[in-house]
Amino acid sequence: MPDLSRAVYADLFGPTTGDRIRLADTDLFVEIE
């Protein structure tokens, strides 16, 4: 099975532990635990 980069994995399955997401057009970020 080939390895997926974090970016490809996120595109396919959504965010995972340790990923940070910017909330809309604000300067607020959330991190998935």
Protein backbone atom coordinates (compact mmCIF):
# COMPACT_ATOMS: atom_id res chain seq x y z
CA MET A 1 0.00 0.00 0.00
CA PRO A 2 1.49 3.39 -0.98
CA ASP A 3 2.00 6.10 1.64
CA LEU A 4 -0.17 9.20 1.40
CA SER A 5 1.08 12.68 2.22
CA ARG A 6 -0.81 14.57 4.93
CA ALA A 7 -2.28 16.90 2.29
CA VAL A 8 -3.61 14.04 0.15
CA TYR A 9 -4.99 12.22 3.20
CA ALA A 10 -6.78 15.41 4.34
CA ASP A 11 -8.28 15.87 0.86
CA LEU A 12 -9.61 12.31 0.87
CA PHE A 13 -10.70 11.82 4.48
CA GLY A 14 -10.69 15.23 6.19
CA PRO A 15 -8.53 16.54 9.01
CA THR A 16 -6.85 14.20 11.48
CA THR A 17 -5.00 14.46 14.79
CA GLY A 18 -2.51 17.32 14.82
CA ASP A 19 -3.96 19.16 11.81
CA ARG A 20 -4.62 22.89 12.16
CA ILE A 21 -7.56 24.53 10.40
CA ARG A 22 -8.16 28.24 9.86
CA LEU A 23 -11.71 29.34 10.63
CA ALA A 24 -13.18 31.15 7.61
CA ASP A 25 -11.64 34.59 7.05
CA THR A 26 -10.57 35.10 10.67
CA ASP A 27 -7.18 34.73 12.29
CA LEU A 28 -8.52 31.93 14.50
CA PHE A 29 -7.11 28.43 14.19
CA VAL A 30 -8.25 25.15 15.71
CA GLU A 31 -6.08 22.06 16.15
CA ILE A 32 -7.57 18.57 15.99
CA GLU A 33 -6.72 16.57 19.11
